[in-house]
Amino acid sequence: MDRYWLKHYPTNVPHEINPQAFDSLREVMEDGFARHGHKPAYTNMGRTLSFRQLDTQSRAFGAWLQREAGLRKGDRIALMMPNILQYPIALLGALRAGLTVVNTNPLYTARELEHQLKDSGARAIVVFENAAHVLDEVISETAIDTVIVTGVGDLLGFPKAALVNFVLRHVRGAVKPWQLPGAIRFTDCLEQGKWVDLVREPILSQDIAFLQYTGGTTGVSKGAILTHRNMIANLLQVHSWLLQYEIPENSPVVLCALPLYHIYALTSCCLSWLLEGGHNILITNPRDMPTFVKELKRYRMNVMYGVNTLYNGLLHTPGIEQVDWSGLLSCNAGGMALQGAVAEKWHALTGCLLGQGWGLTETSPVATVMPKNMAFNGSIGLPVPSTEISIRDEEGNALPAGGHGEICVRGPQVMAGYWNRPDETAKVMFAGGWLRTGDIGRMDERGFTYIEDRKKDMILVSGFNVYPNEVEGVVARHPGVLEVAAVAQSDEHSGEVVALFVVLKDPTITAAAIITFARSELTGYKVPRHVYFRRELPKTNVGKILRRSLRDELRDELRRAELRAEG
């Protein structure tokens, strides 16, 4: 196809990357260890690991998994931790041992955890002790035979390690009772592993590096098969895009507030910066905004990744104006639509333009990114190197520039399919290696793509399509609004109408005032008919607002109202 967007590519960015530049992620990390050994790699709660220490400890952990746990190439290991130093050690150690990593949300319920462990067939798990009681509930239903437990503070050094763990266990009550016979401490694995050699299993580019679970574009949570080639391609694509910036050669500082178990941070923060020797600042609990801001004041950040709600939350946290933003070169928002009001306020605060990128778990995840020095215009940017974007109609036919349809992606970062679900794979993959993303949008004549919304989130008002992103973007500009989500509410006249869930900054603001404000920017059928105020909105682990939960809540409440009226 005609890749006309290449005419508008940044000067320093290559049109293609070579996904065969490394045979496996093991080669990537070992190259990084060799070139950046003396540099800091990760800092968390004041403790720093150098690349040399990361090399040593991940090697020891990988060796322990092989020699003591008896895990073999291709076996699955689940990692269930927040952003703590143990995570990159366990992640890289497992990959060096030839295992497949199953990243697991540490906030999972027992039902969610059981599904993921059973579906993946994981044999081992590294779990932080705050979630060990959840594993305790379901482990008998799974194939897990090796359990490694760690405390949040375990690698922080004495006396901080003991203090942090004591507070979490006995003051905050964050660690509930659990019994997992045969479980071993993470620190013991490292100690035992340093006395045995890591076996260099042959790892091929088509071998599975990750089963990354997602709701995907259809149905139940399923594992996207991401091979070593997929991940290498995407980290090289991200790395190529960074060539636009004058990144400091000596330890560029990267803010990692997104969880490493999420695909966005996994690629953008963890893997990509192995090449550059980046110093990742791990934020364990970014929802604690005051503590988050205190941490920001300690460093001169160069690169930052986040989602709209994270940037918006920081903008409204006291003390944010005291952070030193003078070193900030690149800020990127992904995971959900970036709102213009947030982009403008962030630029005013930091002097750094907040760019928007886009992708999915199924694309490892990055597919498009805004070029450097482009002000927010609603676009998600241009396709990254070696990537094609096509807008397709319901029959799969490519549409011309400006046509509205489903955004489809082709490139070396596109997954191999869904784990043990050929039927689900067939729903999203079609001839020629194209992935149907479930996002509706358009591409302009320069190759910039604009997302209207997810198919399933679209609101149909009297036959007219209303995209929640557009409505939310308008209402977010109201000075009294902190957060907003737009969803469909059933209506006997229009079929559906727009309903808003709003978190206010100013409690005196009324629903009528918000509707009036929206009416000045939106055509009639897009104007919200109902406004519901909330203290907070439900969010995913990376801060993406869960419209589905709000739709379900609204549907259930309306049904209860109907029953009361009938009764």
Protein backbone atom coordinates (compact mmCIF):
# COMPACT_ATOMS: atom_id res chain seq x y z
CA MET A 1 0.00 0.00 0.00
CA ASP A 2 1.00 3.63 -0.44
CA ARG A 3 2.69 4.69 2.82
CA TYR A 4 2.20 8.36 2.15
CA TRP A 5 2.80 9.27 5.79
CA LEU A 6 6.51 8.72 5.24
CA LYS A 7 6.63 12.07 3.40
CA HIS A 8 5.86 13.71 6.74
CA TYR A 9 8.23 11.64 8.85
CA PRO A 10 10.62 13.30 11.33
CA THR A 11 14.02 13.82 9.72
CA ASN A 12 16.04 11.60 12.04
CA VAL A 13 13.62 8.68 12.20
CA PRO A 14 14.26 5.72 9.86
CA HIS A 15 11.37 4.40 7.79
CA GLU A 16 12.18 0.79 8.70
CA ILE A 17 13.62 -1.13 11.62
CA ASN A 18 15.27 -4.54 11.53
CA PRO A 19 13.43 -6.90 13.91
CA GLN A 20 16.21 -9.43 13.32
CA ALA A 21 18.83 -7.12 14.82
CA PHE A 22 18.68 -9.30 17.95
CA ASP A 23 17.72 -12.95 18.10
CA SER A 24 16.00 -12.60 21.46
CA LEU A 25 15.31 -10.22 24.33
CA ARG A 26 18.14 -11.95 26.17
CA GLU A 27 20.56 -10.51 23.61
CA VAL A 28 19.01 -7.06 24.04
CA MET A 29 19.42 -7.05 27.79
CA GLU A 30 22.92 -8.52 27.74
CA ASP A 31 23.97 -5.89 25.21
CA GLY A 32 22.59 -3.23 27.56
CA PHE A 33 24.32 -4.73 30.58
CA ALA A 34 27.66 -4.76 28.75
CA ARG A 35 27.41 -1.14 27.56
CA HIS A 36 25.78 0.48 30.59
CA GLY A 37 26.95 -1.61 33.55
CA HIS A 38 28.06 1.32 35.70
CA LYS A 39 24.90 3.38 35.14
CA PRO A 40 21.82 3.37 37.37
CA ALA A 41 19.02 1.20 35.94
CA TYR A 42 16.16 1.36 38.48
CA THR A 43 15.42 3.42 41.55
CA ASN A 44 12.55 2.72 43.92
CA MET A 45 11.89 4.23 47.35
CA GLY A 46 15.41 5.67 47.44
CA ARG A 47 17.25 2.43 46.56
CA THR A 48 19.06 2.18 43.19
CA LEU A 49 20.12 -0.85 41.15
CA SER A 50 22.85 -0.38 38.55
CA PHE A 51 22.79 -2.26 35.26
CA ARG A 52 25.63 -4.39 36.60
CA GLN A 53 23.61 -5.32 39.68
CA LEU A 54 20.57 -5.97 37.51
CA ASP A 55 22.70 -8.28 35.37
CA THR A 56 24.01 -10.18 38.40
CA GLN A 57 20.70 -10.55 40.17
CA SER A 58 18.61 -11.42 37.11
CA ARG A 59 21.24 -14.03 36.17
CA ALA A 60 21.01 -15.53 39.66
CA PHE A 61 17.22 -15.57 39.56
CA GLY A 62 17.15 -17.16 36.11
CA ALA A 63 19.63 -19.81 37.24
CA TRP A 64 17.51 -20.59 40.32
CA LEU A 65 14.42 -21.04 38.16
CA GLN A 66 16.28 -23.53 35.99
CA ARG A 67 18.29 -25.45 38.56
CA GLU A 68 16.18 -25.34 41.73
CA ALA A 69 12.62 -24.93 40.43
CA GLY A 70 13.24 -27.23 37.46
CA LEU A 71 11.58 -24.92 34.97
CA ARG A 72 12.36 -25.47 31.31
CA LYS A 73 12.31 -23.35 28.21
CA GLY A 74 8.76 -22.34 27.31
CA ASP A 75 7.31 -22.91 30.79
CA ARG A 76 5.11 -20.05 31.95
CA ILE A 77 5.86 -17.98 35.04
CA ALA A 78 3.42 -15.41 36.42
CA LEU A 79 4.69 -12.16 37.93
CA MET A 80 2.25 -10.52 40.36
CA MET A 81 3.85 -7.38 41.79
CA PRO A 82 3.59 -3.59 41.62
CA ASN A 83 6.52 -1.40 40.58
CA ILE A 84 9.22 -2.58 42.98
CA LEU A 85 12.85 -3.53 42.31
CA GLN A 86 12.00 -7.22 42.36
CA TYR A 87 9.95 -6.84 39.19
CA PRO A 88 12.68 -6.10 36.62
CA ILE A 89 14.96 -8.68 38.25
CA ALA A 90 12.30 -11.39 38.02
CA LEU A 91 11.20 -10.31 34.54
CA LEU A 92 14.66 -10.28 32.99
CA GLY A 93 15.77 -13.38 34.89
CA ALA A 94 12.81 -15.39 33.61
CA LEU A 95 13.43 -14.26 30.03
CA ARG A 96 17.13 -15.13 30.31
CA ALA A 97 16.11 -18.63 31.40
CA GLY A 98 13.98 -19.02 28.27
CA LEU A 99 10.64 -18.87 30.12
CA THR A 100 7.42 -17.21 29.01
CA VAL A 101 6.32 -14.38 31.30
CA VAL A 102 2.66 -14.00 32.27
CA ASN A 103 2.31 -10.48 33.66
CA THR A 104 -0.40 -10.44 36.32
CA ASN A 105 -2.23 -7.53 37.90
CA PRO A 106 -1.53 -7.57 41.67
CA LEU A 107 -5.03 -6.19 42.30
CA TYR A 108 -6.75 -9.18 40.69
CA THR A 109 -9.59 -10.85 42.53
CA ALA A 110 -9.43 -14.58 43.15
CA ARG A 111 -11.69 -15.24 40.16
CA GLU A 112 -9.55 -13.16 37.80
CA LEU A 113 -6.31 -14.68 39.05
CA GLU A 114 -7.61 -18.23 38.78
CA HIS A 115 -8.70 -17.66 35.19
CA GLN A 116 -5.33 -16.27 34.13
CA LEU A 117 -3.24 -18.93 35.87
CA LYS A 118 -5.38 -21.79 34.56
CA ASP A 119 -5.64 -20.39 31.05
CA SER A 120 -1.89 -19.77 30.75
CA GLY A 121 -0.90 -23.05 32.41
CA ALA A 122 1.66 -21.20 34.52
CA ARG A 123 3.89 -23.47 36.63
CA ALA A 124 5.46 -20.79 38.81
CA ILE A 125 4.55 -17.41 40.25
CA VAL A 126 6.36 -14.54 41.93
CA VAL A 127 3.83 -12.78 44.15
CA PHE A 128 4.21 -9.87 46.53
CA GLU A 129 2.91 -10.77 49.95
CA ASN A 130 0.08 -8.21 49.87
CA ALA A 131 -1.59 -10.44 47.25
CA ALA A 132 -0.47 -13.83 48.60
CA HIS A 133 -3.84 -14.41 50.29
CA VAL A 134 -5.56 -14.18 46.90
CA LEU A 135 -3.22 -16.80 45.47
CA ASP A 136 -3.88 -18.93 48.56
CA GLU A 137 -7.58 -19.05 47.61
CA VAL A 138 -7.05 -20.44 44.11
CA ILE A 139 -3.69 -22.20 43.90
CA SER A 140 -5.21 -25.66 44.34
CA GLU A 141 -7.13 -25.14 41.08
CA THR A 142 -4.01 -24.27 39.08
CA ALA A 143 -0.83 -25.92 37.81
CA ILE A 144 1.39 -23.72 40.01
CA ASP A 145 4.03 -25.81 41.80
CA THR A 146 6.61 -23.09 42.56
CA VAL A 147 5.63 -20.05 44.65
CA ILE A 148 8.09 -17.23 45.29
CA VAL A 149 6.95 -14.58 47.75
CA THR A 150 8.41 -11.13 48.32
CA GLY A 151 7.71 -8.15 50.53
CA VAL A 152 7.56 -4.67 49.07
CA GLY A 153 10.60 -3.59 51.05
CA ASP A 154 12.75 -6.71 50.63
CA LEU A 155 15.42 -5.12 48.40
CA LEU A 156 15.55 -1.67 50.01
CA GLY A 157 18.46 -2.49 52.34
CA PHE A 158 18.66 -2.38 56.13
CA PRO A 159 16.94 -0.79 58.01
CA LYS A 160 14.51 0.52 55.39
CA ALA A 161 13.52 -2.96 54.20
CA ALA A 162 12.46 -4.04 57.68
CA LEU A 163 10.66 -0.76 58.35
CA VAL A 164 8.65 -0.75 55.12
CA ASN A 165 7.61 -4.37 55.54
CA PHE A 166 6.70 -3.84 59.21
CA VAL A 167 4.49 -0.86 58.40
CA LEU A 168 2.68 -2.67 55.59
CA ARG A 169 2.18 -5.82 57.65
CA HIS A 170 1.38 -4.47 61.10
CA VAL A 171 0.43 -0.79 60.83
CA ARG A 172 -1.53 -0.58 57.59
CA GLY A 173 -2.72 -4.17 57.65
CA ALA A 174 -1.99 -4.49 53.93
CA VAL A 175 -0.77 -8.09 54.27
CA LYS A 176 -3.60 -10.51 55.06
CA PRO A 177 -2.96 -13.99 56.45
CA TRP A 178 -1.95 -16.62 53.91
CA GLN A 179 -0.64 -20.16 53.82
CA LEU A 180 1.31 -21.37 50.80
CA PRO A 181 3.24 -24.49 51.84
CA GLY A 182 6.62 -24.74 50.17
CA ALA A 183 6.75 -21.05 49.21
CA ILE A 184 10.24 -19.56 49.09
CA ARG A 185 11.32 -15.97 49.64
CA PHE A 186 12.57 -14.02 46.62
CA THR A 187 15.74 -13.01 48.46
CA ASP A 188 16.51 -16.70 49.14
CA CYS A 189 16.18 -17.44 45.42
CA LEU A 190 18.76 -14.75 44.66
CA GLU A 191 21.12 -16.08 47.32
CA GLN A 192 20.86 -19.69 46.15
CA GLY A 193 20.95 -18.76 42.46
CA LYS A 194 24.27 -16.95 42.62
CA TRP A 195 26.04 -20.26 43.32
CA VAL A 196 24.82 -22.02 40.16
CA ASP A 197 25.27 -21.26 36.48
CA LEU A 198 22.57 -19.98 34.16
CA VAL A 199 22.09 -22.40 31.26
CA ARG A 200 21.99 -20.54 27.96
CA GLU A 201 19.01 -22.22 26.38
CA PRO A 202 18.72 -21.44 22.64
CA ILE A 203 16.03 -18.76 22.29
CA LEU A 204 14.62 -18.08 18.85
CA SER A 205 12.87 -14.97 17.59
CA GLN A 206 9.58 -16.86 17.16
CA ASP A 207 9.63 -18.19 20.74
CA ILE A 208 6.99 -16.75 23.05
CA ALA A 209 8.30 -14.05 25.38
CA PHE A 210 4.98 -13.00 26.94
CA LEU A 211 1.41 -14.10 27.32
CA GLN A 212 0.00 -10.64 27.93
CA TYR A 213 -3.62 -10.85 29.05
CA THR A 214 -6.19 -8.45 27.73
CA GLY A 215 -9.90 -8.11 27.15
CA GLY A 216 -8.73 -7.36 23.63
CA THR A 217 -11.08 -6.27 20.91
CA THR A 218 -13.54 -9.05 21.74
CA GLY A 219 -14.85 -11.05 24.68
CA VAL A 220 -13.23 -12.64 27.71
CA SER A 221 -9.70 -11.95 28.96
CA LYS A 222 -7.21 -13.86 26.83
CA GLY A 223 -3.47 -14.09 26.38
CA ALA A 224 -1.96 -12.20 23.47
CA ILE A 225 1.02 -14.20 22.22
CA LEU A 226 3.94 -11.79 21.99
CA THR A 227 7.09 -13.36 20.61
CA HIS A 228 10.66 -12.21 21.11
CA ARG A 229 10.49 -10.81 17.57
CA ASN A 230 7.31 -8.86 18.35
CA MET A 231 8.86 -7.25 21.41
CA ILE A 232 12.24 -6.56 19.80
CA ALA A 233 10.49 -4.91 16.87
CA ASN A 234 8.49 -2.63 19.14
CA LEU A 235 11.35 -1.62 21.39
CA LEU A 236 13.38 -0.77 18.26
CA GLN A 237 10.43 1.22 16.91
CA VAL A 238 10.19 3.17 20.17
CA HIS A 239 13.96 3.63 20.19
CA SER A 240 13.91 4.92 16.60
CA TRP A 241 11.26 7.50 17.45
CA LEU A 242 13.45 8.79 20.27
CA LEU A 243 16.14 9.73 17.73
CA GLN A 244 14.26 13.03 17.30
CA TYR A 245 15.35 14.05 20.78
CA GLU A 246 18.72 14.93 22.24
CA ILE A 247 18.57 12.32 24.97
CA PRO A 248 21.40 12.66 27.51
CA GLU A 249 24.04 9.98 26.97
CA ASN A 250 24.75 9.67 30.68
CA SER A 251 21.75 8.02 32.34
CA PRO A 252 18.61 9.66 30.91
CA VAL A 253 16.01 9.74 33.67
CA VAL A 254 12.71 8.05 32.82
CA LEU A 255 9.63 8.37 35.00
CA CYS A 256 7.93 4.97 35.28
CA ALA A 257 4.64 5.61 37.06
CA LEU A 258 2.74 3.10 34.94
CA PRO A 259 2.85 -0.50 36.20
CA LEU A 260 5.52 -2.65 34.59
CA TYR A 261 3.06 -5.54 34.32
CA HIS A 262 1.09 -3.43 31.82
CA ILE A 263 2.25 -3.63 28.20
CA TYR A 264 2.65 0.16 27.89
CA ALA A 265 5.28 0.44 30.62
CA LEU A 266 6.75 -2.98 29.87
CA THR A 267 7.88 -1.87 26.41
CA SER A 268 8.20 1.90 26.78
CA CYS A 269 9.91 2.03 30.18
CA CYS A 270 11.51 -1.35 30.84
CA LEU A 271 12.67 -2.89 27.57
CA SER A 272 13.26 0.13 25.31
CA TRP A 273 15.59 1.86 27.75
CA LEU A 274 17.89 -1.14 27.99
CA LEU A 275 19.31 0.14 24.70
CA GLU A 276 19.89 3.69 25.95
CA GLY A 277 20.95 2.92 29.50
CA GLY A 278 17.90 4.73 30.87
CA HIS A 279 17.45 5.26 34.60
CA ASN A 280 13.86 4.26 35.43
CA ILE A 281 12.31 5.85 38.51
CA LEU A 282 9.73 3.32 39.68
CA ILE A 283 6.63 4.77 41.31
CA THR A 284 4.98 2.02 43.35
CA ASN A 285 1.67 3.79 44.02
CA PRO A 286 1.00 6.66 41.60
CA ARG A 287 -2.52 7.06 42.97
CA ASP A 288 -0.99 8.55 46.11
CA MET A 289 -0.53 11.87 44.33
CA PRO A 290 1.04 13.88 47.21
CA THR A 291 3.74 11.23 47.70
CA PHE A 292 4.15 10.96 43.93
CA VAL A 293 4.84 14.70 43.68
CA LYS A 294 7.36 14.51 46.52
CA GLU A 295 9.20 11.82 44.54
CA LEU A 296 9.15 13.97 41.39
CA LYS A 297 10.90 16.78 43.28
CA ARG A 298 13.90 14.50 43.86
CA TYR A 299 14.77 14.02 40.19
CA ARG A 300 15.31 15.99 36.99
CA MET A 301 13.18 13.98 34.60
CA ASN A 302 14.00 13.63 30.89
CA VAL A 303 11.24 11.34 29.65
CA MET A 304 7.78 10.61 30.97
CA TYR A 305 5.02 8.18 30.03
CA GLY A 306 1.48 8.29 31.38
CA VAL A 307 -2.23 8.31 30.69
CA ASN A 308 -4.59 11.27 30.57
CA THR A 309 -5.86 10.71 34.11
CA LEU A 310 -2.33 10.59 35.52
CA TYR A 311 -1.32 13.88 33.92
CA ASN A 312 -4.63 15.44 34.95
CA GLY A 313 -4.22 14.21 38.52
CA LEU A 314 -0.71 15.66 38.75
CA LEU A 315 -1.91 19.01 37.44
CA HIS A 316 -4.35 19.22 40.34
CA THR A 317 -1.93 18.13 43.08
CA PRO A 318 -0.44 20.84 45.32
CA GLY A 319 3.33 21.17 44.95
CA ILE A 320 3.45 20.14 41.30
CA GLU A 321 4.50 23.66 40.35
CA GLN A 322 7.65 23.25 42.47
CA VAL A 323 8.97 20.30 40.43
CA ASP A 324 11.99 20.99 38.22
CA TRP A 325 10.82 20.33 34.68
CA SER A 326 13.81 21.94 32.96
CA GLY A 327 15.21 18.59 31.79
CA LEU A 328 11.94 17.28 30.37
CA LEU A 329 12.39 16.41 26.68
CA SER A 330 9.56 14.04 25.88
CA CYS A 331 6.14 13.38 27.43
CA ASN A 332 3.82 10.81 25.96
CA ALA A 333 0.21 9.92 26.74
CA GLY A 334 -1.34 6.62 25.74
CA GLY A 335 -3.79 4.03 27.00
CA MET A 336 -6.79 6.34 26.58
CA ALA A 337 -7.67 9.53 24.72
CA LEU A 338 -5.64 12.58 25.68
CA GLN A 339 -7.86 15.58 26.33
CA GLY A 340 -6.93 18.93 24.83
CA ALA A 341 -7.43 20.77 28.11
CA VAL A 342 -4.94 18.46 29.86
CA ALA A 343 -2.40 18.81 27.04
CA GLU A 344 -2.61 22.60 27.15
CA LYS A 345 -2.27 22.82 30.94
CA TRP A 346 0.64 20.36 30.95
CA HIS A 347 2.50 22.39 28.34
CA ALA A 348 1.88 25.59 30.30
CA LEU A 349 3.23 23.97 33.48
CA THR A 350 6.29 22.16 32.12
CA GLY A 351 7.10 23.82 28.79
CA CYS A 352 7.06 20.34 27.23
CA LEU A 353 4.46 19.41 24.63
CA LEU A 354 2.43 16.40 25.66
CA GLY A 355 2.31 14.03 22.70
CA GLN A 356 -0.17 11.26 22.14
CA GLY A 357 0.59 7.73 21.08
CA TRP A 358 -1.61 4.72 20.45
CA GLY A 359 -1.51 0.98 20.34
CA LEU A 360 -2.88 -2.17 21.90
CA THR A 361 -1.63 -5.14 23.85
CA GLU A 362 -1.91 -6.97 20.53
CA THR A 363 0.64 -4.57 18.96
CA SER A 364 3.24 -4.90 21.75
CA PRO A 365 1.84 -2.07 22.14
CA VAL A 366 3.06 0.98 20.16
CA ALA A 367 1.65 1.56 16.66
CA THR A 368 1.54 5.35 16.27
CA VAL A 369 3.18 8.35 17.97
CA MET A 370 3.08 12.11 17.52
CA PRO A 371 6.28 13.67 16.13
CA LYS A 372 8.34 16.00 18.25
CA ASN A 373 7.26 19.63 18.67
CA MET A 374 3.70 19.17 17.42
CA ALA A 375 1.03 20.78 19.55
CA PHE A 376 -2.01 18.71 20.47
CA ASN A 377 -4.45 18.43 17.58
CA GLY A 378 -6.42 15.35 18.55
CA SER A 379 -4.28 13.06 16.43
CA ILE A 380 -2.55 9.92 17.70
CA GLY A 381 0.32 10.63 15.30
CA LEU A 382 2.02 8.75 12.49
CA PRO A 383 2.70 5.02 12.21
CA VAL A 384 6.02 4.07 13.79
CA PRO A 385 8.71 2.57 11.50
CA SER A 386 7.85 -0.66 9.64
CA THR A 387 4.17 -0.17 10.52
CA GLU A 388 1.15 0.31 8.27
CA ILE A 389 -2.23 1.74 9.21
CA SER A 390 -5.32 1.17 7.10
CA ILE A 391 -8.88 2.38 7.70
CA ARG A 392 -11.34 -0.35 6.70
CA ASP A 393 -15.10 -0.66 6.32
CA GLU A 394 -17.19 -3.49 7.78
CA GLU A 395 -16.30 -5.74 4.84
CA GLY A 396 -12.58 -5.14 5.29
CA ASN A 397 -12.20 -2.81 2.30
CA ALA A 398 -9.60 -0.05 2.59
CA LEU A 399 -11.05 3.46 2.69
CA PRO A 400 -9.44 6.58 1.18
CA ALA A 401 -7.95 9.40 3.28
CA GLY A 402 -10.66 10.98 5.42
CA GLY A 403 -12.89 7.90 5.42
CA HIS A 404 -14.29 6.74 8.77
CA GLY A 405 -13.89 3.07 9.65
CA GLU A 406 -12.04 0.54 11.76
CA ILE A 407 -8.34 1.18 12.30
CA CYS A 408 -6.29 -1.81 11.18
CA VAL A 409 -2.57 -2.37 11.79
CA ARG A 410 0.13 -4.42 10.13
CA GLY A 411 3.74 -4.67 11.27
CA PRO A 412 6.32 -6.92 12.95
CA GLN A 413 5.00 -5.94 16.40
CA VAL A 414 1.54 -7.45 15.77
CA MET A 415 0.91 -10.50 17.98
CA ALA A 416 1.05 -14.08 16.76
CA GLY A 417 -2.52 -14.65 17.98
CA TYR A 418 -4.41 -15.43 21.18
CA TRP A 419 -3.21 -18.28 23.38
CA ASN A 420 -5.24 -21.44 22.69
CA ARG A 421 -8.05 -19.38 21.10
CA PRO A 422 -7.95 -19.76 17.32
CA ASP A 423 -11.60 -18.66 17.11
CA GLU A 424 -10.84 -15.35 18.85
CA THR A 425 -7.71 -14.92 16.74
CA ALA A 426 -9.75 -15.36 13.56
CA LYS A 427 -12.11 -12.57 14.64
CA VAL A 428 -9.33 -9.95 14.71
CA MET A 429 -6.75 -11.15 12.17
CA PHE A 430 -7.43 -11.21 8.46
CA ALA A 431 -5.58 -11.80 5.20
CA GLY A 432 -2.20 -10.20 4.80
CA GLY A 433 -1.39 -10.02 8.51
CA TRP A 434 -3.78 -7.16 9.31
CA LEU A 435 -5.11 -6.74 12.85
CA ARG A 436 -8.60 -5.35 13.38
CA THR A 437 -8.25 -3.11 16.45
CA GLY A 438 -11.85 -2.34 17.32
CA ASP A 439 -11.05 1.38 17.26
CA ILE A 440 -12.99 3.63 14.92
CA GLY A 441 -11.19 6.53 13.28
CA ARG A 442 -9.85 8.17 10.16
CA MET A 443 -6.51 9.03 8.59
CA ASP A 444 -5.89 12.40 6.94
CA GLU A 445 -3.95 13.04 3.74
CA ARG A 446 -0.68 13.40 5.68
CA GLY A 447 -1.02 10.04 7.41
CA PHE A 448 -2.06 11.32 10.84
CA THR A 449 -4.68 9.08 12.42
CA TYR A 450 -7.59 10.29 14.53
CA ILE A 451 -9.52 7.96 16.83
CA GLU A 452 -13.22 8.60 17.20
CA ASP A 453 -13.73 5.86 19.77
CA ARG A 454 -14.02 2.18 20.50
CA LYS A 455 -16.75 0.39 18.59
CA LYS A 456 -18.38 -0.81 21.78
CA ASP A 457 -18.33 2.64 23.42
CA MET A 458 -20.08 4.47 20.60
CA ILE A 459 -23.44 6.03 21.49
CA LEU A 460 -26.23 5.83 18.91
CA VAL A 461 -28.62 8.77 19.25
CA SER A 462 -31.54 8.61 16.81
CA GLY A 463 -29.31 6.88 14.29
CA PHE A 464 -26.42 9.35 14.70
CA ASN A 465 -23.03 8.21 16.00
CA VAL A 466 -21.78 10.04 19.09
CA TYR A 467 -18.22 9.39 20.20
CA PRO A 468 -17.61 9.69 23.97
CA ASN A 469 -14.08 11.02 23.45
CA GLU A 470 -15.45 14.13 21.75
CA VAL A 471 -18.03 14.83 24.45
CA GLU A 472 -15.54 14.22 27.25
CA GLY A 473 -12.98 16.48 25.59
CA VAL A 474 -15.48 19.36 25.55
CA VAL A 475 -16.77 18.93 29.11
CA ALA A 476 -13.22 18.50 30.49
CA ARG A 477 -12.61 22.14 29.55
CA HIS A 478 -15.17 23.31 32.08
CA PRO A 479 -13.14 24.95 34.89
CA GLY A 480 -15.17 23.17 37.56
CA VAL A 481 -14.69 19.65 36.19
CA LEU A 482 -11.89 17.34 37.34
CA GLU A 483 -12.82 14.15 35.48
CA VAL A 484 -15.60 13.10 33.14
CA ALA A 485 -16.85 10.00 31.36
CA ALA A 486 -19.58 9.82 28.72
CA VAL A 487 -21.68 6.69 28.23
CA ALA A 488 -24.92 5.64 26.57
CA GLN A 489 -28.19 5.71 28.51
CA SER A 490 -31.27 4.06 27.05
CA ASP A 491 -34.05 6.41 25.99
CA GLU A 492 -37.54 5.60 24.74
CA HIS A 493 -37.48 8.37 22.14
CA SER A 494 -33.90 8.36 20.82
CA GLY A 495 -32.87 4.80 21.58
CA GLU A 496 -29.85 6.16 23.45
CA VAL A 497 -28.77 9.54 24.79
CA VAL A 498 -25.49 10.80 26.24
CA ALA A 499 -25.06 10.49 30.00
CA LEU A 500 -22.13 11.99 31.90
CA PHE A 501 -20.42 10.84 35.07
CA VAL A 502 -18.53 13.79 36.52
CA VAL A 503 -16.03 14.39 39.32
CA LEU A 504 -16.07 18.07 40.28
CA LYS A 505 -13.35 20.43 41.44
CA ASP A 506 -16.02 22.98 42.37
CA PRO A 507 -18.93 21.38 44.29
CA THR A 508 -21.23 24.31 43.51
CA ILE A 509 -21.40 23.41 39.81
CA THR A 510 -24.80 22.06 38.76
CA ALA A 511 -25.81 19.53 36.15
CA ALA A 512 -27.63 22.29 34.27
CA ALA A 513 -24.45 24.37 34.11
CA ILE A 514 -22.51 21.47 32.62
CA ILE A 515 -25.19 20.77 30.03
CA THR A 516 -25.30 24.44 29.07
CA PHE A 517 -21.53 24.49 28.71
CA ALA A 518 -21.61 21.42 26.46
CA ARG A 519 -24.38 22.88 24.32
CA SER A 520 -22.11 25.78 23.32
CA GLU A 521 -19.62 23.35 21.73
CA LEU A 522 -21.68 20.37 20.59
CA THR A 523 -24.48 19.87 18.11
CA GLY A 524 -27.86 19.02 19.59
CA TYR A 525 -27.86 15.21 19.54
CA LYS A 526 -24.39 15.11 21.15
CA VAL A 527 -25.37 17.26 24.13
CA PRO A 528 -25.60 15.26 27.39
CA ARG A 529 -29.12 14.69 28.69
CA HIS A 530 -28.15 13.33 32.09
CA VAL A 531 -25.34 14.21 34.51
CA TYR A 532 -24.37 12.07 37.50
CA PHE A 533 -21.85 13.32 40.04
CA ARG A 534 -19.32 10.99 41.65
CA ARG A 535 -16.44 11.36 44.08
CA GLU A 536 -14.31 9.20 41.82
CA LEU A 537 -14.59 7.19 38.61
CA PRO A 538 -13.72 3.50 38.23
CA LYS A 539 -10.37 2.99 36.49
CA THR A 540 -8.12 0.24 35.19
CA ASN A 541 -4.72 -0.50 36.68
CA VAL A 542 -3.14 2.22 34.49
CA GLY A 543 -5.82 4.83 35.19
CA LYS A 544 -8.04 4.38 32.13
CA ILE A 545 -11.65 5.18 33.00
CA LEU A 546 -13.88 2.12 32.83
CA ARG A 547 -16.87 3.23 30.82
CA ARG A 548 -18.20 -0.32 30.81
CA SER A 549 -18.50 -0.30 34.61
CA LEU A 550 -20.38 2.98 34.45
CA ARG A 551 -22.71 1.65 31.76
CA ASP A 552 -23.41 -1.42 33.86
CA GLU A 553 -24.02 0.69 36.96
CA LEU A 554 -26.41 2.92 35.05
CA ARG A 555 -28.26 0.00 33.49
CA ASP A 556 -28.70 -1.72 36.86
CA GLU A 557 -29.93 1.46 38.54
CA LEU A 558 -32.46 2.14 35.79
CA ARG A 559 -33.68 -1.44 36.04
CA ARG A 560 -34.16 -1.09 39.79
CA ALA A 561 -36.09 2.14 39.22
CA GLU A 562 -38.38 0.34 36.78
CA LEU A 563 -39.05 -2.44 39.28
CA ARG A 564 -39.86 0.09 41.99
CA ALA A 565 -42.27 1.83 39.64
CA GLU A 566 -43.94 -1.48 38.80
CA GLY A 567 -44.14 -2.56 42.40
